[in-house]
Amino acid sequence: MNKITVLIVDDHTLVRDGIRSLLELCDDFEVVGEAADGKEALDKVKELAPEVVLMDLAMPVMTGLEATRRIRKEFPETKVLALTQYDDSEYVVPVIRAGALGFVTKMGAFSELVSAIQAVHKGDSFLSPSAAAALVQECQINMTGEGETDPYDRLTDREKEVLKLVVEGKTTREIADMLVVSSKTVESYKTSLMSKLDIHSRIDLIRFAIRKRVVTL
């Protein structure tokens, strides 16, 4: 039986080592490589052509969200399974939209991860119970008041990503480097998202982000 080839992407060495050790106990999988950030993940996908990528989301250099979007576009045969500690809709929805076929949390059981890898390898979707609940909640709160759309939902996935990085204190140049775009493009995203949210200062932007749980104190 052919083994499913897997690339593990996480910025923590201990996490990568732990996942590799567990997967190597199963006859179904072969870990062909590891990466510590989204940019390295793209290089490894190009070099190794893994069938499934286990993708963390919060990483330096290039986020897992951007890496997922790039893999989906440049290497469509490779399936992405988001594996992260976060299960809020702010994380689940964007990465699924970016092209991930599944979403599981690091707090889940190993058997859940095994099932998820097998599912996405076949082209099926897989959501952990907490991720599925987050999607249901997203649908339920998507409309507020008398049919008025939540301003946050007017943002594109990229604008939400830029919002998070801005309130985390990243400079325009740092954001541009992380997202592999120009500083001018980042400024355009910032202008657009602040206009959509009707917010005109960084302090108010931070307060909004905290209320929406985009960042936490």
Protein backbone atom coordinates (compact mmCIF):
# COMPACT_ATOMS: atom_id res chain seq x y z
CA MET A 1 0.00 0.00 0.00
CA ASN A 2 1.34 3.43 -0.94
CA LYS A 3 1.89 5.72 2.01
CA ILE A 4 0.45 9.25 2.14
CA THR A 5 3.35 11.69 1.96
CA VAL A 6 3.11 14.51 4.52
CA LEU A 7 4.90 17.83 5.05
CA ILE A 8 4.73 19.27 8.58
CA VAL A 9 4.73 23.08 8.82
CA ASP A 10 5.06 24.69 12.26
CA ASP A 11 7.41 27.28 13.72
CA HIS A 12 7.98 25.22 16.89
CA THR A 13 10.56 22.44 16.59
CA LEU A 14 9.09 20.45 19.48
CA VAL A 15 5.66 20.46 17.84
CA ARG A 16 7.09 19.26 14.53
CA ASP A 17 9.09 16.54 16.28
CA GLY A 18 6.04 15.39 18.21
CA ILE A 19 3.79 15.19 15.16
CA ARG A 20 6.49 13.40 13.15
CA SER A 21 6.99 10.83 15.91
CA LEU A 22 3.27 10.10 16.08
CA LEU A 23 2.81 9.86 12.31
CA GLU A 24 5.79 7.54 11.98
CA LEU A 25 3.99 5.09 14.24
CA CYS A 26 1.37 4.65 11.50
CA ASP A 27 1.97 2.57 8.40
CA ASP A 28 -0.27 4.88 6.36
CA PHE A 29 2.01 7.94 6.41
CA GLU A 30 5.47 9.02 5.36
CA VAL A 31 6.76 12.37 6.64
CA VAL A 32 8.85 13.68 3.75
CA GLY A 33 9.85 17.01 5.27
CA GLU A 34 9.34 19.88 7.69
CA ALA A 35 9.15 23.67 7.43
CA ALA A 36 9.27 26.42 10.05
CA ASP A 37 7.32 29.12 8.19
CA GLY A 38 5.08 29.66 5.18
CA LYS A 39 7.87 30.65 2.79
CA GLU A 40 9.88 27.55 3.61
CA ALA A 41 6.70 25.50 3.20
CA LEU A 42 6.32 26.74 -0.37
CA ASP A 43 9.92 25.81 -1.13
CA LYS A 44 9.47 22.34 0.37
CA VAL A 45 6.21 21.73 -1.51
CA LYS A 46 7.98 22.61 -4.75
CA GLU A 47 10.92 20.35 -3.89
CA LEU A 48 9.15 17.37 -2.32
CA ALA A 49 5.61 17.43 -3.80
CA PRO A 50 3.91 16.11 -0.63
CA GLU A 51 0.35 14.91 -0.95
CA VAL A 52 -0.77 16.56 2.29
CA VAL A 53 0.59 19.61 4.13
CA LEU A 54 -0.14 20.02 7.84
CA MET A 55 -0.21 23.81 8.09
CA ASP A 56 0.08 25.91 11.23
CA LEU A 57 -1.37 29.41 10.84
CA ALA A 58 0.52 31.78 13.15
CA MET A 59 4.09 31.75 11.83
CA PRO A 60 6.81 34.32 11.04
CA VAL A 61 8.05 35.36 7.57
CA MET A 62 4.86 34.17 5.85
CA THR A 63 1.66 33.15 7.63
CA GLY A 64 0.01 29.79 7.14
CA LEU A 65 -2.97 31.55 5.59
CA GLU A 66 -0.89 33.12 2.83
CA ALA A 67 1.07 29.90 2.31
CA THR A 68 -2.20 27.97 1.96
CA ARG A 69 -3.45 30.44 -0.63
CA ARG A 70 -0.19 30.15 -2.59
CA ILE A 71 -0.10 26.36 -2.44
CA ARG A 72 -3.68 26.15 -3.64
CA LYS A 73 -2.81 28.35 -6.61
CA GLU A 74 0.66 27.05 -7.50
CA PHE A 75 0.44 23.39 -6.44
CA PRO A 76 -3.23 22.38 -6.72
CA GLU A 77 -2.47 18.66 -6.39
CA THR A 78 -1.20 19.19 -2.84
CA LYS A 79 -3.90 19.17 -0.17
CA VAL A 80 -3.67 21.48 2.86
CA LEU A 81 -4.91 20.57 6.32
CA ALA A 82 -4.81 23.43 8.85
CA LEU A 83 -3.45 22.25 12.20
CA THR A 84 -3.46 25.01 14.81
CA GLN A 85 -4.25 25.87 18.40
CA TYR A 86 -6.95 28.34 17.33
CA ASP A 87 -10.50 27.30 16.50
CA ASP A 88 -12.33 30.64 16.34
CA SER A 89 -14.27 31.46 13.17
CA GLU A 90 -11.77 34.28 12.52
CA TYR A 91 -9.22 31.55 11.82
CA VAL A 92 -11.39 28.74 10.45
CA VAL A 93 -13.25 30.69 7.76
CA PRO A 94 -10.27 32.48 6.13
CA VAL A 95 -8.09 29.38 5.80
CA ILE A 96 -10.94 27.33 4.36
CA ARG A 97 -11.60 30.12 1.87
CA ALA A 98 -7.88 30.16 1.08
CA GLY A 99 -8.07 26.54 -0.04
CA ALA A 100 -7.53 24.27 2.97
CA LEU A 101 -9.66 21.13 2.81
CA GLY A 102 -9.63 20.57 6.54
CA PHE A 103 -9.16 22.17 9.93
CA VAL A 104 -8.15 20.42 13.16
CA THR A 105 -6.80 21.75 16.43
CA LYS A 106 -3.69 20.69 18.28
CA MET A 107 -5.85 19.97 21.32
CA GLY A 108 -7.66 17.17 19.47
CA ALA A 109 -6.95 13.46 19.68
CA PHE A 110 -4.33 11.89 17.41
CA SER A 111 -7.02 9.65 15.92
CA GLU A 112 -8.78 12.81 14.72
CA LEU A 113 -5.61 13.98 12.96
CA VAL A 114 -5.23 10.58 11.28
CA SER A 115 -8.82 10.70 10.02
CA ALA A 116 -8.34 14.28 8.81
CA ILE A 117 -5.21 13.47 6.82
CA GLN A 118 -6.89 10.48 5.20
CA ALA A 119 -9.97 12.54 4.34
CA VAL A 120 -8.20 15.49 2.73
CA HIS A 121 -5.87 13.14 0.86
CA LYS A 122 -8.96 11.72 -0.86
CA GLY A 123 -10.19 15.23 -1.62
CA ASP A 124 -12.84 15.22 1.09
CA SER A 125 -13.26 17.95 3.70
CA PHE A 126 -12.71 17.46 7.42
CA LEU A 127 -13.51 19.79 10.31
CA SER A 128 -12.86 19.10 13.96
CA PRO A 129 -15.98 19.51 16.15
CA SER A 130 -14.76 22.85 17.50
CA ALA A 131 -14.04 24.15 13.99
CA ALA A 132 -17.46 23.01 12.77
CA ALA A 133 -19.07 24.77 15.74
CA ALA A 134 -17.14 27.95 14.87
CA LEU A 135 -18.50 27.83 11.33
CA VAL A 136 -22.04 27.40 12.59
CA GLN A 137 -21.57 30.36 14.93
CA GLU A 138 -20.21 32.42 12.06
CA CYS A 139 -23.33 31.71 10.02
CA GLN A 140 -25.59 32.58 12.94
CA ILE A 141 -23.96 35.92 13.72
CA ASN A 142 -23.16 36.90 10.16
CA MET A 143 -26.24 39.08 10.10
CA THR A 144 -26.88 41.46 12.98
CA GLY A 145 -29.75 43.76 13.83
CA GLU A 146 -32.38 44.18 11.12
CA GLY A 147 -30.46 42.35 8.45
CA GLU A 148 -27.46 44.64 8.78
CA THR A 149 -24.17 42.96 7.88
CA ASP A 150 -21.42 42.96 10.50
CA PRO A 151 -18.80 45.50 9.28
CA TYR A 152 -16.01 42.97 9.93
CA ASP A 153 -17.58 40.61 7.39
CA ARG A 154 -17.22 43.27 4.70
CA LEU A 155 -13.45 42.85 4.85
CA THR A 156 -11.67 40.54 2.45
CA ASP A 157 -9.53 37.72 3.86
CA ARG A 158 -6.39 39.73 3.07
CA GLU A 159 -7.77 42.86 4.76
CA LYS A 160 -8.52 40.81 7.88
CA GLU A 161 -4.98 39.49 7.82
CA VAL A 162 -3.54 43.00 7.48
CA LEU A 163 -5.82 44.23 10.30
CA LYS A 164 -4.44 41.58 12.64
CA LEU A 165 -0.84 42.38 11.77
CA VAL A 166 -1.38 46.13 12.15
CA VAL A 167 -2.87 45.86 15.63
CA GLU A 168 -0.07 43.46 16.60
CA GLY A 169 2.29 46.37 15.99
CA LYS A 170 3.86 45.28 12.71
CA THR A 171 5.17 48.07 10.48
CA THR A 172 4.08 48.49 6.89
CA ARG A 173 7.45 47.18 5.69
CA GLU A 174 7.23 44.13 7.98
CA ILE A 175 3.70 43.36 6.79
CA ALA A 176 4.78 43.74 3.16
CA ASP A 177 7.64 41.29 3.71
CA MET A 178 5.40 38.77 5.49
CA LEU A 179 2.72 38.88 2.79
CA VAL A 180 5.21 39.18 -0.09
CA VAL A 181 3.63 42.36 -1.45
CA SER A 182 4.73 45.97 -1.79
CA SER A 183 4.44 48.58 0.97
CA LYS A 184 2.10 50.52 -1.30
CA THR A 185 -0.20 47.51 -1.50
CA VAL A 186 -0.24 47.18 2.29
CA GLU A 187 -1.15 50.86 2.64
CA SER A 188 -3.97 50.30 0.16
CA TYR A 189 -5.31 47.41 2.26
CA LYS A 190 -5.10 49.54 5.42
CA THR A 191 -6.98 52.42 3.80
CA SER A 192 -9.65 50.10 2.47
CA LEU A 193 -10.25 48.20 5.71
CA MET A 194 -10.41 51.35 7.83
CA SER A 195 -12.89 52.86 5.39
CA LYS A 196 -15.10 49.75 5.50
CA LEU A 197 -15.00 49.72 9.31
CA ASP A 198 -15.46 53.50 9.53
CA ILE A 199 -12.44 53.64 11.86
CA HIS A 200 -9.90 56.45 11.56
CA SER A 201 -7.30 55.89 14.26
CA ARG A 202 -5.03 53.03 15.29
CA ILE A 203 -6.34 53.14 18.88
CA ASP A 204 -9.92 52.62 17.70
CA LEU A 205 -8.66 49.90 15.36
CA ILE A 206 -7.07 48.07 18.29
CA ARG A 207 -10.25 48.39 20.36
CA PHE A 208 -12.28 46.99 17.46
CA ALA A 209 -9.84 44.09 17.00
CA ILE A 210 -10.06 43.19 20.68
CA ARG A 211 -13.87 43.25 20.61
CA LYS A 212 -13.86 40.97 17.56
CA ARG A 213 -11.21 38.73 19.17
CA VAL A 214 -8.89 39.30 16.22
CA VAL A 215 -6.25 39.82 18.92
CA THR A 216 -6.33 39.29 22.67
CA LEU A 217 -4.77 41.17 25.54
